[in-house]
Amino acid sequence: MIAETFAVVAPVMFGAALGFGWARYGPPFNTELLTSLVLVIGTPCLVFSTLTEFGVDLDAVGSMALAASVSIVLLSAVGGAVLLAARQPVRAFLPSLLFPNSGNMGLPLCLFAFGGEGLALGIAFFTVTSLGNFTLGIWLASGEISPARLLRTPLIWAALAGVAFLAVETEPPLWLSNTTRLIGGFTIPAILIALGVALARLRVADMGRATLIGVFRLGLGFPLGLLLAELLGFEGVARGVLVLQCAMPVAVYNFLFAQRYGNCPSDVAGGVVVSTAISFLTLPFLIAYLL
């Protein structure tokens, strides 16, 4: 069990460590360029190729997407109440509680822990939370919401295309499968390295507030995943993916949006750093429990 758990956790930790080391000791790292490549090209290709390659049942994908949607709704209510009780700015910190790092950390862990099926279900969860982050998350950070932004998000079109092939039970043309598999293949290593670079560059301004945000995110996410898995009757791989994705730390994009719109960015950055550091300590136990 120890070897199996380490085999799941090690690639994520070492991948992030490479990015961390590069940011500290290597030549300049163009985070903006890599992020754009991952978001606009790599992730859509990964989403499409995974959904169509591993033959995951459409109902299973829909159920996971529903679970992710319900998690956002429940966390909005519970997280908002917790922040109000703690007298913390809701608009600034609620996105950190709502949107876990289901991409940079969640997808690699789903892949190594549960294989291709786990990755496909993890992508269903990630797609919903990403769309929520780029709409509700931006609205909370900026005070403005633009539904048209969804139409400019390649991720949603890739997900819809993959679901369409699943719905008609048809395999995509070989050239399309090979192309999206090849291009999507760089995504997971890239997002792990990008995570490490981000952690190296983020600074914790207020350790007390950062710890509060980090502990809330992890403390609410894990039991929520267990509750939803029980209520929705998830078992096996689906249960493991749901609990794992819900238990991820604060997503880096919460900091990027907070920084862009001047919404307590240093405190949100602290939440990312602290929650990720705690996750690296607790991941072996979480994976061992889920396996």
C-alpha atoms as a PDB file:
ATOM      1  CA  MET A   1       0.000   0.000   0.000  1.00  0.00           C
ATOM      2  CA  ILE A   2       2.860   2.392   0.795  1.00  0.00           C
ATOM      3  CA  ALA A   3       4.503   1.764  -2.584  1.00  0.00           C
ATOM      4  CA  GLU A   4       1.179   2.142  -4.387  1.00  0.00           C
ATOM      5  CA  THR A   5       0.421   5.405  -2.605  1.00  0.00           C
ATOM      6  CA  PHE A   6       3.902   6.787  -3.295  1.00  0.00           C
ATOM      7  CA  ALA A   7       3.575   5.887  -6.982  1.00  0.00           C
ATOM      8  CA  VAL A   8       0.476   8.135  -7.156  1.00  0.00           C
ATOM      9  CA  VAL A   9       1.783  11.058  -5.112  1.00  0.00           C
ATOM     10  CA  ALA A  10       5.423  11.149  -6.270  1.00  0.00           C
ATOM     11  CA  PRO A  11       4.832  12.314  -9.887  1.00  0.00           C
ATOM     12  CA  VAL A  12       2.763  15.249  -8.660  1.00  0.00           C
ATOM     13  CA  MET A  13       5.276  16.284  -6.013  1.00  0.00           C
ATOM     14  CA  PHE A  14       8.315  15.878  -8.247  1.00  0.00           C
ATOM     15  CA  GLY A  15       6.610  17.664 -11.146  1.00  0.00           C
ATOM     16  CA  ALA A  16       5.769  20.634  -8.932  1.00  0.00           C
ATOM     17  CA  ALA A  17       9.267  20.526  -7.431  1.00  0.00           C
ATOM     18  CA  LEU A  18      10.769  20.846 -10.914  1.00  0.00           C
ATOM     19  CA  GLY A  19       8.763  24.004 -11.507  1.00  0.00           C
ATOM     20  CA  PHE A  20       9.633  25.352  -8.075  1.00  0.00           C
ATOM     21  CA  GLY A  21      13.337  24.758  -8.660  1.00  0.00           C
ATOM     22  CA  TRP A  22      13.199  26.279 -12.138  1.00  0.00           C
ATOM     23  CA  ALA A  23      11.575  29.452 -10.794  1.00  0.00           C
ATOM     24  CA  ARG A  24      14.175  29.792  -8.055  1.00  0.00           C
ATOM     25  CA  TYR A  25      17.388  28.770  -9.829  1.00  0.00           C
ATOM     26  CA  GLY A  26      16.724  28.479 -13.577  1.00  0.00           C
ATOM     27  CA  PRO A  27      16.459  31.006 -16.415  1.00  0.00           C
ATOM     28  CA  PRO A  28      13.363  33.240 -16.702  1.00  0.00           C
ATOM     29  CA  PHE A  29      10.152  31.241 -16.955  1.00  0.00           C
ATOM     30  CA  ASN A  30       7.380  32.630 -19.148  1.00  0.00           C
ATOM     31  CA  THR A  31       4.373  31.661 -17.062  1.00  0.00           C
ATOM     32  CA  GLU A  32       1.937  33.669 -19.170  1.00  0.00           C
ATOM     33  CA  LEU A  33       2.943  31.867 -22.350  1.00  0.00           C
ATOM     34  CA  LEU A  34       2.744  28.409 -20.788  1.00  0.00           C
ATOM     35  CA  THR A  35      -0.585  29.165 -19.149  1.00  0.00           C
ATOM     36  CA  SER A  36      -2.021  30.350 -22.456  1.00  0.00           C
ATOM     37  CA  LEU A  37      -0.809  27.222 -24.245  1.00  0.00           C
ATOM     38  CA  VAL A  38      -2.316  24.992 -21.581  1.00  0.00           C
ATOM     39  CA  LEU A  39      -5.657  26.792 -21.404  1.00  0.00           C
ATOM     40  CA  VAL A  40      -6.239  27.505 -25.074  1.00  0.00           C
ATOM     41  CA  ILE A  41      -4.660  24.430 -26.705  1.00  0.00           C
ATOM     42  CA  GLY A  42      -3.471  21.723 -24.327  1.00  0.00           C
ATOM     43  CA  THR A  43      -6.413  21.356 -21.965  1.00  0.00           C
ATOM     44  CA  PRO A  44      -9.131  21.334 -24.679  1.00  0.00           C
ATOM     45  CA  CYS A  45      -7.188  18.631 -26.541  1.00  0.00           C
ATOM     46  CA  LEU A  46      -6.741  16.636 -23.324  1.00  0.00           C
ATOM     47  CA  VAL A  47     -10.444  16.926 -22.500  1.00  0.00           C
ATOM     48  CA  PHE A  48     -11.563  15.793 -25.950  1.00  0.00           C
ATOM     49  CA  SER A  49      -9.071  12.937 -26.313  1.00  0.00           C
ATOM     50  CA  THR A  50      -9.712  11.588 -22.808  1.00  0.00           C
ATOM     51  CA  LEU A  51     -13.498  11.648 -23.106  1.00  0.00           C
ATOM     52  CA  THR A  52     -13.439   9.884 -26.484  1.00  0.00           C
ATOM     53  CA  GLU A  53     -10.525   7.503 -25.908  1.00  0.00           C
ATOM     54  CA  PHE A  54     -11.377   5.755 -22.661  1.00  0.00           C
ATOM     55  CA  GLY A  55     -15.001   4.978 -23.467  1.00  0.00           C
ATOM     56  CA  VAL A  56     -16.416   6.337 -20.236  1.00  0.00           C
ATOM     57  CA  ASP A  57     -20.167   5.996 -19.896  1.00  0.00           C
ATOM     58  CA  LEU A  58     -21.986   9.241 -20.678  1.00  0.00           C
ATOM     59  CA  ASP A  59     -24.177   8.835 -17.594  1.00  0.00           C
ATOM     60  CA  ALA A  60     -21.058   8.584 -15.416  1.00  0.00           C
ATOM     61  CA  VAL A  61     -19.676  11.798 -16.929  1.00  0.00           C
ATOM     62  CA  GLY A  62     -23.013  13.547 -16.415  1.00  0.00           C
ATOM     63  CA  SER A  63     -23.264  12.355 -12.818  1.00  0.00           C
ATOM     64  CA  MET A  64     -19.767  13.670 -12.057  1.00  0.00           C
ATOM     65  CA  ALA A  65     -20.586  17.006 -13.668  1.00  0.00           C
ATOM     66  CA  LEU A  66     -23.742  17.154 -11.558  1.00  0.00           C
ATOM     67  CA  ALA A  67     -21.738  16.378  -8.416  1.00  0.00           C
ATOM     68  CA  ALA A  68     -19.307  19.192  -9.227  1.00  0.00           C
ATOM     69  CA  SER A  69     -22.201  21.612  -9.759  1.00  0.00           C
ATOM     70  CA  VAL A  70     -23.816  20.620  -6.465  1.00  0.00           C
ATOM     71  CA  SER A  71     -20.491  21.032  -4.676  1.00  0.00           C
ATOM     72  CA  ILE A  72     -20.267  24.644  -5.888  1.00  0.00           C
ATOM     73  CA  VAL A  73     -23.820  25.372  -4.722  1.00  0.00           C
ATOM     74  CA  LEU A  74     -23.300  23.824  -1.281  1.00  0.00           C
ATOM     75  CA  LEU A  75     -19.923  25.470  -0.794  1.00  0.00           C
ATOM     76  CA  SER A  76     -21.448  28.817  -1.759  1.00  0.00           C
ATOM     77  CA  ALA A  77     -23.918  28.493   1.101  1.00  0.00           C
ATOM     78  CA  VAL A  78     -21.626  26.939   3.707  1.00  0.00           C
ATOM     79  CA  GLY A  79     -18.521  28.877   2.713  1.00  0.00           C
ATOM     80  CA  GLY A  80     -20.380  32.165   2.652  1.00  0.00           C
ATOM     81  CA  ALA A  81     -21.775  31.488   6.134  1.00  0.00           C
ATOM     82  CA  VAL A  82     -18.328  30.534   7.471  1.00  0.00           C
ATOM     83  CA  LEU A  83     -16.726  33.677   6.062  1.00  0.00           C
ATOM     84  CA  LEU A  84     -19.489  35.872   7.457  1.00  0.00           C
ATOM     85  CA  ALA A  85     -19.135  34.233  10.873  1.00  0.00           C
ATOM     86  CA  ALA A  86     -15.371  34.748  10.740  1.00  0.00           C
ATOM     87  CA  ARG A  87     -15.909  38.363   9.615  1.00  0.00           C
ATOM     88  CA  GLN A  88     -13.897  37.897   6.431  1.00  0.00           C
ATOM     89  CA  PRO A  89     -14.664  39.570   3.071  1.00  0.00           C
ATOM     90  CA  VAL A  90     -16.925  37.152   1.231  1.00  0.00           C
ATOM     91  CA  ARG A  91     -16.285  38.384  -2.307  1.00  0.00           C
ATOM     92  CA  ALA A  92     -12.530  38.153  -1.812  1.00  0.00           C
ATOM     93  CA  PHE A  93     -12.312  34.702  -0.266  1.00  0.00           C
ATOM     94  CA  LEU A  94     -15.402  32.765  -1.337  1.00  0.00           C
ATOM     95  CA  PRO A  95     -13.841  31.748  -4.706  1.00  0.00           C
ATOM     96  CA  SER A  96     -10.968  30.123  -2.798  1.00  0.00           C
ATOM     97  CA  LEU A  97     -13.471  27.906  -1.010  1.00  0.00           C
ATOM     98  CA  LEU A  98     -15.587  27.174  -4.080  1.00  0.00           C
ATOM     99  CA  PHE A  99     -12.942  26.293  -6.651  1.00  0.00           C
ATOM    100  CA  PRO A 100     -10.313  23.669  -5.773  1.00  0.00           C
ATOM    101  CA  ASN A 101      -7.163  23.023  -7.748  1.00  0.00           C
ATOM    102  CA  SER A 102      -8.873  20.255  -9.694  1.00  0.00           C
ATOM    103  CA  GLY A 103      -6.621  20.868 -12.698  1.00  0.00           C
ATOM    104  CA  ASN A 104      -2.976  21.309 -11.715  1.00  0.00           C
ATOM    105  CA  MET A 105      -3.175  18.771  -8.894  1.00  0.00           C
ATOM    106  CA  GLY A 106      -6.489  16.998  -9.319  1.00  0.00           C
ATOM    107  CA  LEU A 107      -6.090  15.700 -12.880  1.00  0.00           C
ATOM    108  CA  PRO A 108      -2.634  14.115 -12.397  1.00  0.00           C
ATOM    109  CA  LEU A 109      -3.792  12.488  -9.170  1.00  0.00           C
ATOM    110  CA  CYS A 110      -6.944  11.133 -10.813  1.00  0.00           C
ATOM    111  CA  LEU A 111      -4.827   9.689 -13.615  1.00  0.00           C
ATOM    112  CA  PHE A 112      -2.216   8.002 -11.434  1.00  0.00           C
ATOM    113  CA  ALA A 113      -4.666   6.824  -8.793  1.00  0.00           C
ATOM    114  CA  PHE A 114      -7.529   5.612 -11.008  1.00  0.00           C
ATOM    115  CA  GLY A 115      -6.169   5.357 -14.563  1.00  0.00           C
ATOM    116  CA  GLY A 116      -7.886   6.494 -17.746  1.00  0.00           C
ATOM    117  CA  GLU A 117     -11.395   6.209 -16.337  1.00  0.00           C
ATOM    118  CA  GLY A 118     -10.388   8.294 -13.344  1.00  0.00           C
ATOM    119  CA  LEU A 119      -8.865  10.939 -15.586  1.00  0.00           C
ATOM    120  CA  ALA A 120     -12.039  11.143 -17.693  1.00  0.00           C
ATOM    121  CA  LEU A 121     -14.229  11.576 -14.613  1.00  0.00           C
ATOM    122  CA  GLY A 122     -11.731  14.012 -13.131  1.00  0.00           C
ATOM    123  CA  ILE A 123     -11.965  16.051 -16.327  1.00  0.00           C
ATOM    124  CA  ALA A 124     -15.774  16.156 -16.003  1.00  0.00           C
ATOM    125  CA  PHE A 125     -15.377  17.623 -12.509  1.00  0.00           C
ATOM    126  CA  PHE A 126     -12.597  19.966 -13.632  1.00  0.00           C
ATOM    127  CA  THR A 127     -14.606  21.256 -16.595  1.00  0.00           C
ATOM    128  CA  VAL A 128     -17.522  22.303 -14.394  1.00  0.00           C
ATOM    129  CA  THR A 129     -15.362  23.985 -11.753  1.00  0.00           C
ATOM    130  CA  SER A 130     -13.281  25.729 -14.433  1.00  0.00           C
ATOM    131  CA  LEU A 131     -16.369  27.145 -16.102  1.00  0.00           C
ATOM    132  CA  GLY A 132     -17.626  28.218 -12.698  1.00  0.00           C
ATOM    133  CA  ASN A 133     -14.309  29.898 -11.923  1.00  0.00           C
ATOM    134  CA  PHE A 134     -14.281  31.783 -15.225  1.00  0.00           C
ATOM    135  CA  THR A 135     -17.836  33.054 -14.670  1.00  0.00           C
ATOM    136  CA  LEU A 136     -18.866  33.120 -11.006  1.00  0.00           C
ATOM    137  CA  GLY A 137     -15.243  33.421  -9.843  1.00  0.00           C
ATOM    138  CA  ILE A 138     -14.575  36.426 -12.060  1.00  0.00           C
ATOM    139  CA  TRP A 139     -17.899  37.972 -11.055  1.00  0.00           C
ATOM    140  CA  LEU A 140     -17.013  37.689  -7.362  1.00  0.00           C
ATOM    141  CA  ALA A 141     -13.540  39.123  -7.947  1.00  0.00           C
ATOM    142  CA  SER A 142     -14.540  41.937 -10.290  1.00  0.00           C
ATOM    143  CA  GLY A 143     -18.202  42.616  -9.583  1.00  0.00           C
ATOM    144  CA  GLU A 144     -19.003  42.035 -13.260  1.00  0.00           C
ATOM    145  CA  ILE A 145     -20.293  38.939 -15.025  1.00  0.00           C
ATOM    146  CA  SER A 146     -20.227  38.161 -18.740  1.00  0.00           C
ATOM    147  CA  PRO A 147     -22.053  35.006 -19.900  1.00  0.00           C
ATOM    148  CA  ALA A 148     -20.514  35.603 -23.332  1.00  0.00           C
ATOM    149  CA  ARG A 149     -17.145  34.666 -21.844  1.00  0.00           C
ATOM    150  CA  LEU A 150     -18.265  31.031 -21.918  1.00  0.00           C
ATOM    151  CA  LEU A 151     -18.564  31.181 -25.677  1.00  0.00           C
ATOM    152  CA  ARG A 152     -14.935  32.288 -25.901  1.00  0.00           C
ATOM    153  CA  THR A 153     -13.684  29.423 -23.727  1.00  0.00           C
ATOM    154  CA  PRO A 154     -12.160  26.578 -25.821  1.00  0.00           C
ATOM    155  CA  LEU A 155     -12.601  24.175 -22.907  1.00  0.00           C
ATOM    156  CA  ILE A 156     -16.384  24.176 -23.141  1.00  0.00           C
ATOM    157  CA  TRP A 157     -16.366  23.490 -26.892  1.00  0.00           C
ATOM    158  CA  ALA A 158     -13.914  20.609 -26.458  1.00  0.00           C
ATOM    159  CA  ALA A 159     -16.073  19.137 -23.689  1.00  0.00           C
ATOM    160  CA  LEU A 160     -19.245  19.471 -25.773  1.00  0.00           C
ATOM    161  CA  ALA A 161     -17.541  17.831 -28.746  1.00  0.00           C
ATOM    162  CA  GLY A 162     -16.334  14.933 -26.603  1.00  0.00           C
ATOM    163  CA  VAL A 163     -19.768  14.460 -25.052  1.00  0.00           C
ATOM    164  CA  ALA A 164     -21.347  14.525 -28.519  1.00  0.00           C
ATOM    165  CA  PHE A 165     -19.187  11.587 -29.644  1.00  0.00           C
ATOM    166  CA  LEU A 166     -20.061   9.739 -26.434  1.00  0.00           C
ATOM    167  CA  ALA A 167     -23.763  10.401 -26.970  1.00  0.00           C
ATOM    168  CA  VAL A 168     -23.830   8.950 -30.480  1.00  0.00           C
ATOM    169  CA  GLU A 169     -21.418   6.167 -29.475  1.00  0.00           C
ATOM    170  CA  THR A 170     -19.096   6.987 -32.362  1.00  0.00           C
ATOM    171  CA  GLU A 171     -15.323   7.179 -32.362  1.00  0.00           C
ATOM    172  CA  PRO A 172     -13.776  10.364 -33.777  1.00  0.00           C
ATOM    173  CA  PRO A 173     -11.685  10.130 -36.957  1.00  0.00           C
ATOM    174  CA  LEU A 174      -8.252   8.631 -36.367  1.00  0.00           C
ATOM    175  CA  TRP A 175      -6.465  11.807 -37.411  1.00  0.00           C
ATOM    176  CA  LEU A 176      -8.446  13.789 -34.833  1.00  0.00           C
ATOM    177  CA  SER A 177      -7.838  11.245 -32.079  1.00  0.00           C
ATOM    178  CA  ASN A 178      -4.102  11.118 -32.783  1.00  0.00           C
ATOM    179  CA  THR A 179      -3.795  14.903 -32.983  1.00  0.00           C
ATOM    180  CA  THR A 180      -5.650  15.683 -29.759  1.00  0.00           C
ATOM    181  CA  ARG A 181      -3.887  12.856 -27.915  1.00  0.00           C
ATOM    182  CA  LEU A 182      -0.480  14.120 -29.022  1.00  0.00           C
ATOM    183  CA  ILE A 183      -1.115  17.779 -28.188  1.00  0.00           C
ATOM    184  CA  GLY A 184      -3.033  17.029 -24.994  1.00  0.00           C
ATOM    185  CA  GLY A 185      -0.158  14.865 -23.801  1.00  0.00           C
ATOM    186  CA  PHE A 186       1.938  17.843 -22.769  1.00  0.00           C
ATOM    187  CA  THR A 187      -0.803  19.292 -20.580  1.00  0.00           C
ATOM    188  CA  ILE A 188      -0.385  17.368 -17.324  1.00  0.00           C
ATOM    189  CA  PRO A 189       3.425  17.771 -17.108  1.00  0.00           C
ATOM    190  CA  ALA A 190       3.021  21.450 -18.025  1.00  0.00           C
ATOM    191  CA  ILE A 191       0.407  22.182 -15.361  1.00  0.00           C
ATOM    192  CA  LEU A 192       2.507  20.480 -12.687  1.00  0.00           C
ATOM    193  CA  ILE A 193       5.547  22.569 -13.591  1.00  0.00           C
ATOM    194  CA  ALA A 194       3.380  25.700 -13.744  1.00  0.00           C
ATOM    195  CA  LEU A 195       2.047  24.895 -10.261  1.00  0.00           C
ATOM    196  CA  GLY A 196       5.586  24.699  -8.888  1.00  0.00           C
ATOM    197  CA  VAL A 197       6.541  27.988 -10.529  1.00  0.00           C
ATOM    198  CA  ALA A 198       3.449  29.675  -9.090  1.00  0.00           C
ATOM    199  CA  LEU A 199       4.201  28.395  -5.588  1.00  0.00           C
ATOM    200  CA  ALA A 200       7.768  29.714  -5.829  1.00  0.00           C
ATOM    201  CA  ARG A 201       6.570  33.181  -6.809  1.00  0.00           C
ATOM    202  CA  LEU A 202       3.628  33.600  -4.446  1.00  0.00           C
ATOM    203  CA  ARG A 203       4.242  35.335  -1.136  1.00  0.00           C
ATOM    204  CA  VAL A 204       2.265  34.990   2.103  1.00  0.00           C
ATOM    205  CA  ALA A 205       1.476  38.435   3.512  1.00  0.00           C
ATOM    206  CA  ASP A 206      -0.739  37.444   6.459  1.00  0.00           C
ATOM    207  CA  MET A 207      -0.031  33.922   7.703  1.00  0.00           C
ATOM    208  CA  GLY A 208      -3.032  33.874  10.029  1.00  0.00           C
ATOM    209  CA  ARG A 209      -5.518  34.757   7.304  1.00  0.00           C
ATOM    210  CA  ALA A 210      -3.768  32.476   4.791  1.00  0.00           C
ATOM    211  CA  THR A 211      -4.008  29.578   7.210  1.00  0.00           C
ATOM    212  CA  LEU A 212      -7.683  30.329   7.772  1.00  0.00           C
ATOM    213  CA  ILE A 213      -8.407  30.224   4.043  1.00  0.00           C
ATOM    214  CA  GLY A 214      -6.327  27.091   3.476  1.00  0.00           C
ATOM    215  CA  VAL A 215      -7.810  25.164   6.390  1.00  0.00           C
ATOM    216  CA  PHE A 216     -11.358  26.164   5.415  1.00  0.00           C
ATOM    217  CA  ARG A 217     -10.847  24.981   1.809  1.00  0.00           C
ATOM    218  CA  LEU A 218      -9.490  21.590   2.825  1.00  0.00           C
ATOM    219  CA  GLY A 219     -11.689  21.244   5.889  1.00  0.00           C
ATOM    220  CA  LEU A 220     -14.863  21.849   3.890  1.00  0.00           C
ATOM    221  CA  GLY A 221     -13.843  20.018   0.721  1.00  0.00           C
ATOM    222  CA  PHE A 222     -13.051  16.560   2.049  1.00  0.00           C
ATOM    223  CA  PRO A 223     -16.240  15.980   4.077  1.00  0.00           C
ATOM    224  CA  LEU A 224     -18.288  17.518   1.270  1.00  0.00           C
ATOM    225  CA  GLY A 225     -16.849  14.970  -1.161  1.00  0.00           C
ATOM    226  CA  LEU A 226     -17.713  12.128   1.202  1.00  0.00           C
ATOM    227  CA  LEU A 227     -21.241  13.472   1.693  1.00  0.00           C
ATOM    228  CA  LEU A 228     -21.916  13.908  -2.022  1.00  0.00           C
ATOM    229  CA  ALA A 229     -20.534  10.452  -2.821  1.00  0.00           C
ATOM    230  CA  GLU A 230     -22.919   8.974  -0.270  1.00  0.00           C
ATOM    231  CA  LEU A 231     -25.938  10.985  -1.401  1.00  0.00           C
ATOM    232  CA  LEU A 232     -25.353  10.291  -5.103  1.00  0.00           C
ATOM    233  CA  GLY A 233     -24.508   6.637  -4.581  1.00  0.00           C
ATOM    234  CA  PHE A 234     -21.008   6.886  -6.048  1.00  0.00           C
ATOM    235  CA  GLU A 235     -18.820   3.818  -5.667  1.00  0.00           C
ATOM    236  CA  GLY A 236     -15.392   2.687  -6.801  1.00  0.00           C
ATOM    237  CA  VAL A 237     -13.547   5.020  -9.166  1.00  0.00           C
ATOM    238  CA  ALA A 238     -16.345   7.608  -9.248  1.00  0.00           C
ATOM    239  CA  ARG A 239     -16.325   7.908  -5.449  1.00  0.00           C
ATOM    240  CA  GLY A 240     -12.555   8.183  -5.326  1.00  0.00           C
ATOM    241  CA  VAL A 241     -12.428  10.885  -8.008  1.00  0.00           C
ATOM    242  CA  LEU A 242     -15.207  12.933  -6.421  1.00  0.00           C
ATOM    243  CA  VAL A 243     -13.662  12.907  -2.932  1.00  0.00           C
ATOM    244  CA  LEU A 244     -10.191  13.569  -4.332  1.00  0.00           C
ATOM    245  CA  GLN A 245     -11.252  16.531  -6.460  1.00  0.00           C
ATOM    246  CA  CYS A 246     -13.323  18.057  -3.661  1.00  0.00           C
ATOM    247  CA  ALA A 247     -10.345  17.769  -1.286  1.00  0.00           C
ATOM    248  CA  MET A 248      -7.884  19.693  -3.490  1.00  0.00           C
ATOM    249  CA  PRO A 249      -6.315  22.977  -2.259  1.00  0.00           C
ATOM    250  CA  VAL A 250      -7.124  26.501  -3.425  1.00  0.00           C
ATOM    251  CA  ALA A 251      -6.801  26.878  -7.201  1.00  0.00           C
ATOM    252  CA  VAL A 252      -4.048  29.197  -8.452  1.00  0.00           C
ATOM    253  CA  TYR A 253      -6.527  30.966 -10.741  1.00  0.00           C
ATOM    254  CA  ASN A 254      -8.290  32.374  -7.691  1.00  0.00           C
ATOM    255  CA  PHE A 255      -5.129  34.372  -7.021  1.00  0.00           C
ATOM    256  CA  LEU A 256      -4.768  35.453 -10.654  1.00  0.00           C
ATOM    257  CA  PHE A 257      -8.313  36.832 -10.707  1.00  0.00           C
ATOM    258  CA  ALA A 258      -7.877  38.488  -7.302  1.00  0.00           C
ATOM    259  CA  GLN A 259      -4.668  40.118  -8.530  1.00  0.00           C
ATOM    260  CA  ARG A 260      -6.202  41.282 -11.795  1.00  0.00           C
ATOM    261  CA  TYR A 261      -9.163  42.929 -10.092  1.00  0.00           C
ATOM    262  CA  GLY A 262      -7.393  44.123  -6.915  1.00  0.00           C
ATOM    263  CA  ASN A 263      -9.419  41.910  -4.574  1.00  0.00           C
ATOM    264  CA  CYS A 264      -7.081  41.026  -1.646  1.00  0.00           C
ATOM    265  CA  PRO A 265      -4.534  39.248  -3.898  1.00  0.00           C
ATOM    266  CA  SER A 266      -1.840  38.816  -1.248  1.00  0.00           C
ATOM    267  CA  ASP A 267      -4.261  37.080   1.121  1.00  0.00           C
ATOM    268  CA  VAL A 268      -5.601  34.819  -1.639  1.00  0.00           C
ATOM    269  CA  ALA A 269      -2.006  33.992  -2.623  1.00  0.00           C
ATOM    270  CA  GLY A 270      -1.367  32.987   0.973  1.00  0.00           C
ATOM    271  CA  GLY A 271      -4.381  30.683   0.865  1.00  0.00           C
ATOM    272  CA  VAL A 272      -3.000  28.994  -2.248  1.00  0.00           C
ATOM    273  CA  VAL A 273       0.431  28.468  -0.685  1.00  0.00           C
ATOM    274  CA  VAL A 274      -0.782  27.271   2.713  1.00  0.00           C
ATOM    275  CA  SER A 275      -3.497  24.949   1.415  1.00  0.00           C
ATOM    276  CA  THR A 276      -1.108  23.426  -1.139  1.00  0.00           C
ATOM    277  CA  ALA A 277       1.580  22.917   1.487  1.00  0.00           C
ATOM    278  CA  ILE A 278      -0.917  21.182   3.768  1.00  0.00           C
ATOM    279  CA  SER A 279      -2.107  19.059   0.843  1.00  0.00           C
ATOM    280  CA  PHE A 280       1.382  17.813   0.096  1.00  0.00           C
ATOM    281  CA  LEU A 281       1.574  16.633   3.723  1.00  0.00           C
ATOM    282  CA  THR A 282      -1.867  14.997   3.750  1.00  0.00           C
ATOM    283  CA  LEU A 283      -1.964  13.593   0.200  1.00  0.00           C
ATOM    284  CA  PRO A 284      -0.339  10.247   1.084  1.00  0.00           C
ATOM    285  CA  PHE A 285      -3.031   9.629   3.712  1.00  0.00           C
ATOM    286  CA  LEU A 286      -5.836  10.758   1.389  1.00  0.00           C
ATOM    287  CA  ILE A 287      -4.645   8.528  -1.460  1.00  0.00           C
ATOM    288  CA  ALA A 288      -4.141   5.575   0.867  1.00  0.00           C
ATOM    289  CA  TYR A 289      -7.691   6.026   2.158  1.00  0.00           C
ATOM    290  CA  LEU A 290      -9.198   6.239  -1.321  1.00  0.00           C
ATOM    291  CA  LEU A 291      -7.280   3.281  -2.703  1.00  0.00           C
END
